N, C-alpha and C. Protein backbone atom coordinates (compact mmCIF):
# COMPACT_ATOMS: atom_id res chain seq x y z
N UNK A 1 -17.21 1.44 0.94
CA UNK A 1 -16.44 2.01 1.73
C UNK A 1 -15.14 1.73 2.94
N UNK A 2 -16.81 1.30 4.03
CA UNK A 2 -16.90 -0.17 5.18
C UNK A 2 -15.48 -0.56 4.55
N UNK A 3 -16.02 -1.58 3.39
CA UNK A 3 -15.10 -3.29 3.19
C UNK A 3 -13.10 -2.14 3.48
N UNK A 4 -13.10 -1.42 2.49
CA UNK A 4 -11.55 -0.67 2.97
C UNK A 4 -11.89 -0.11 3.73
N UNK A 5 -12.19 0.15 4.95
CA UNK A 5 -11.60 1.06 6.48
C UNK A 5 -11.35 -0.02 7.31
N UNK A 6 -12.37 -1.11 7.19
CA UNK A 6 -12.08 -2.65 8.15
C UNK A 6 -11.30 -3.03 6.89
N UNK A 7 -10.73 -2.78 5.73
CA UNK A 7 -9.49 -4.44 5.89
C UNK A 7 -8.58 -3.43 5.45
N UNK A 8 -7.96 -2.36 5.74
CA UNK A 8 -6.94 -1.68 5.81
C UNK A 8 -6.58 -0.03 7.58
N UNK A 9 -7.95 0.15 7.72
CA UNK A 9 -7.74 -0.24 9.22
C UNK A 9 -7.79 1.57 8.40
N UNK A 10 -7.92 1.68 8.93
CA UNK A 10 -8.22 3.12 8.72
C UNK A 10 -9.46 3.69 8.66
N UNK A 11 -9.32 5.25 8.93
CA UNK A 11 -11.01 5.49 9.25
C UNK A 11 -11.66 6.28 8.18
N UNK A 12 -12.34 5.97 8.45
CA UNK A 12 -13.36 6.16 7.12
C UNK A 12 -13.39 7.87 6.45
N UNK A 13 -12.86 8.29 7.11
CA UNK A 13 -13.08 10.12 7.28
C UNK A 13 -11.32 9.92 6.24
N UNK A 14 -11.13 9.45 6.32
CA UNK A 14 -9.45 9.62 5.59
C UNK A 14 -9.66 9.06 3.80
N UNK A 15 -10.47 7.82 3.89
CA UNK A 15 -11.16 6.71 3.13
C UNK A 15 -11.35 7.90 2.12
N UNK A 16 -12.34 8.87 2.33
CA UNK A 16 -13.54 9.89 1.96
C UNK A 16 -12.46 10.81 1.36
N UNK A 17 -11.60 11.24 2.00
CA UNK A 17 -10.87 12.02 1.88
C UNK A 17 -10.06 11.98 0.28
N UNK A 18 -9.59 10.58 0.82
CA UNK A 18 -8.10 10.26 -1.14
C UNK A 18 -9.42 9.84 -2.41
N UNK A 19 -10.76 9.68 -1.83
CA UNK A 19 -11.72 9.57 -2.55
C UNK A 19 -12.19 10.22 -3.63
N UNK A 20 -12.12 11.64 -2.09
CA UNK A 20 -12.08 12.94 -3.33
C UNK A 20 -11.48 13.51 -4.20
N UNK A 21 -9.99 13.38 -3.01
CA UNK A 21 -8.83 13.97 -3.36
C UNK A 21 -8.67 13.62 -5.57
N UNK A 22 -9.33 12.15 -5.18
CA UNK A 22 -9.44 11.11 -6.80
C UNK A 22 -9.41 11.85 -7.65
N UNK A 23 -11.14 12.20 -7.36
CA UNK A 23 -12.00 12.79 -7.92
C UNK A 23 -11.72 13.91 -9.03
N UNK A 24 -11.45 14.45 -7.89
CA UNK A 24 -10.45 16.40 -8.19
C UNK A 24 -9.53 16.44 -8.91
N UNK A 25 -8.67 14.90 -8.90
CA UNK A 25 -7.45 14.75 -10.01
C UNK A 25 -8.36 13.90 -11.06
N UNK A 26 -9.73 13.78 -11.54
CA UNK A 26 -9.83 12.98 -12.95
C UNK A 26 -9.21 11.22 -12.33
N UNK A 27 -8.41 11.16 -11.68
CA UNK A 27 -8.37 9.53 -11.08
C UNK A 27 -8.98 8.26 -11.16
N UNK A 28 -9.35 7.28 -12.19
CA UNK A 28 -10.81 6.31 -12.17
C UNK A 28 -9.38 5.26 -12.26
N UNK A 29 -9.54 3.54 -11.70
CA UNK A 29 -9.09 2.72 -11.11
C UNK A 29 -8.22 2.85 -13.19
N UNK A 30 -9.11 2.49 -13.84
CA UNK A 30 -7.81 2.62 -15.88
C UNK A 30 -6.81 3.65 -15.59
N UNK A 31 -7.18 4.36 -14.70
CA UNK A 31 -5.64 5.89 -14.69
C UNK A 31 -4.69 4.50 -14.46
N UNK A 32 -5.55 5.17 -12.65
CA UNK A 32 -4.63 5.15 -12.00
C UNK A 32 -3.83 3.18 -11.81
N UNK A 33 -4.04 1.93 -12.33
CA UNK A 33 -3.49 0.88 -13.09
C UNK A 33 -2.04 1.26 -13.10
N UNK A 34 -2.09 2.52 -14.20
CA UNK A 34 -1.31 2.92 -15.25
C UNK A 34 -0.28 3.39 -14.29
N UNK A 35 -0.79 4.06 -13.04
CA UNK A 35 0.62 4.55 -12.62
C UNK A 35 1.78 3.50 -11.48
N UNK A 36 3.15 3.83 -11.21
CA UNK A 36 3.55 3.38 -10.57
C UNK A 36 3.74 3.64 -8.82
N UNK A 37 3.16 3.41 -7.66
CA UNK A 37 3.83 3.78 -6.61
C UNK A 37 3.64 5.41 -6.25
N UNK A 38 5.25 5.59 -6.92
CA UNK A 38 6.22 6.46 -7.10
C UNK A 38 5.56 8.25 -7.92
N UNK A 39 4.10 7.81 -9.22
CA UNK A 39 3.68 8.34 -9.77
C UNK A 39 2.68 9.34 -9.43
N UNK A 40 1.50 8.21 -8.44
CA UNK A 40 0.67 8.08 -8.21
C UNK A 40 0.89 8.43 -6.41
N UNK A 41 1.55 8.41 -5.76
CA UNK A 41 2.34 9.31 -4.47
C UNK A 41 2.55 10.55 -4.23
N UNK A 42 2.61 10.76 -5.72
CA UNK A 42 3.11 12.40 -6.27
C UNK A 42 1.66 12.95 -6.96
N UNK A 43 1.05 12.17 -7.12
CA UNK A 43 -0.45 13.19 -7.55
C UNK A 43 -0.38 13.11 -6.20
N UNK A 44 -1.27 12.47 -5.05
CA UNK A 44 -1.76 12.47 -4.34
C UNK A 44 -1.20 13.91 -3.52
N UNK A 45 -0.03 13.82 -2.66
CA UNK A 45 0.83 14.52 -2.48
C UNK A 45 2.29 14.77 -3.26
N UNK A 46 2.44 16.09 -3.72
CA UNK A 46 3.08 16.20 -4.24
C UNK A 46 4.42 17.22 -3.87
N UNK A 47 4.48 17.50 -2.37
CA UNK A 47 5.68 17.81 -1.35
C UNK A 47 6.31 17.14 -0.32
N UNK A 48 5.49 15.72 -0.40
CA UNK A 48 6.11 14.70 -0.42
C UNK A 48 7.18 14.37 -0.68
N UNK A 49 8.30 13.09 -0.14
CA UNK A 49 9.61 12.52 -0.14
C UNK A 49 8.90 11.68 -0.51
N UNK A 50 8.80 11.59 -2.47
CA UNK A 50 8.67 9.71 -3.19
C UNK A 50 9.36 8.92 -3.46
N UNK A 51 10.78 9.53 -3.06
CA UNK A 51 11.31 8.06 -3.01
C UNK A 51 11.83 6.38 -2.73
N UNK A 52 12.77 5.86 -2.69
CA UNK A 52 12.91 4.73 -2.51
C UNK A 52 12.86 4.90 -1.00
N UNK A 53 13.20 3.99 -0.24
CA UNK A 53 13.67 3.47 1.09
C UNK A 53 14.35 3.22 0.85
N UNK A 54 15.79 2.96 1.67
CA UNK A 54 16.96 2.47 1.03
C UNK A 54 17.19 0.93 2.34
N UNK A 55 16.58 2.20 3.00
CA UNK A 55 16.75 1.62 5.07
C UNK A 55 16.35 -0.12 4.89
N UNK A 56 14.91 -0.37 4.50
CA UNK A 56 14.23 -1.41 4.53
C UNK A 56 14.04 -2.33 3.10
N UNK A 57 14.09 -3.51 3.04
CA UNK A 57 14.24 -4.45 2.30
C UNK A 57 12.22 -4.59 2.40
N UNK A 58 11.83 -5.29 1.22
CA UNK A 58 10.58 -6.13 1.10
C UNK A 58 11.08 -7.32 1.18
N UNK A 59 10.88 -7.95 1.88
CA UNK A 59 10.89 -9.86 2.48
C UNK A 59 10.60 -9.90 1.28
N UNK A 60 11.28 -11.35 0.61
CA UNK A 60 10.90 -12.04 -0.45
C UNK A 60 9.11 -12.76 0.29
N UNK A 61 8.63 -12.99 -0.47
CA UNK A 61 7.48 -13.91 0.49
C UNK A 61 7.09 -14.93 0.23
N UNK A 62 7.84 -15.25 -1.33
CA UNK A 62 8.18 -17.50 -1.40
C UNK A 62 9.05 -17.59 -0.69
N UNK A 63 10.06 -16.56 0.01
CA UNK A 63 11.10 -17.33 1.60
C UNK A 63 11.02 -17.32 1.86
N UNK A 64 9.73 -17.44 3.36
CA UNK A 64 8.78 -16.35 3.84
C UNK A 64 8.55 -17.75 4.24
N UNK A 65 7.32 -18.01 3.03
CA UNK A 65 6.21 -19.27 2.57
C UNK A 65 6.70 -20.41 2.87
N UNK A 66 7.54 -20.01 2.09
CA UNK A 66 8.70 -22.08 2.40
C UNK A 66 9.34 -21.97 3.98
N UNK A 67 10.05 -21.15 4.63
CA UNK A 67 10.15 -21.22 5.64
C UNK A 67 9.56 -21.32 7.45
N UNK A 68 8.53 -20.52 6.81
CA UNK A 68 7.51 -21.24 7.44
C UNK A 68 6.51 -22.80 7.60
N UNK A 69 6.94 -23.60 5.75
CA UNK A 69 6.39 -24.80 6.14
C UNK A 69 7.03 -25.77 7.64
N UNK A 70 8.29 -25.29 8.25
CA UNK A 70 9.22 -26.53 9.01
C UNK A 70 8.99 -26.14 9.98
N UNK A 71 9.36 -27.29 10.89
CA UNK A 71 7.69 -27.86 12.39
C UNK A 71 8.69 -27.00 13.69
N UNK A 72 7.98 -26.04 13.52
CA UNK A 72 8.45 -25.40 14.81
C UNK A 72 8.67 -24.32 14.37
N UNK A 73 8.42 -23.76 13.34
CA UNK A 73 9.12 -22.43 13.29
C UNK A 73 7.60 -21.10 12.62
N UNK A 74 7.85 -19.85 13.63
CA UNK A 74 6.79 -18.76 13.63
C UNK A 74 6.91 -18.28 12.88
N UNK A 75 5.89 -16.89 13.00
CA UNK A 75 6.00 -16.13 11.99
C UNK A 75 7.11 -14.90 13.08
N UNK A 76 6.57 -15.11 14.49
CA UNK A 76 7.39 -14.43 15.25
C UNK A 76 9.54 -14.76 15.39
N UNK A 77 9.19 -16.61 14.99
CA UNK A 77 10.87 -16.53 15.09
C UNK A 77 11.69 -15.82 13.16
N UNK A 78 11.30 -15.99 12.20
CA UNK A 78 11.40 -15.95 11.50
C UNK A 78 11.66 -13.95 11.86
């Protein structure tokens, strides 16, 4: 769990809470892999608004990678 904490930069208590909730919902990795992000969020947070945001777009990481190959181009410039 400490590896998860370090990579996600969230508290160990938060990870333990989510793990406990997953056990209560009898969700194992095989079951989780079958769910999309919205379905998984509805399981953990049934009262939350899980609609996809139309305000923010996920960038095309392939395009970002190509742009970063340019001389003098930095992430900050993009």
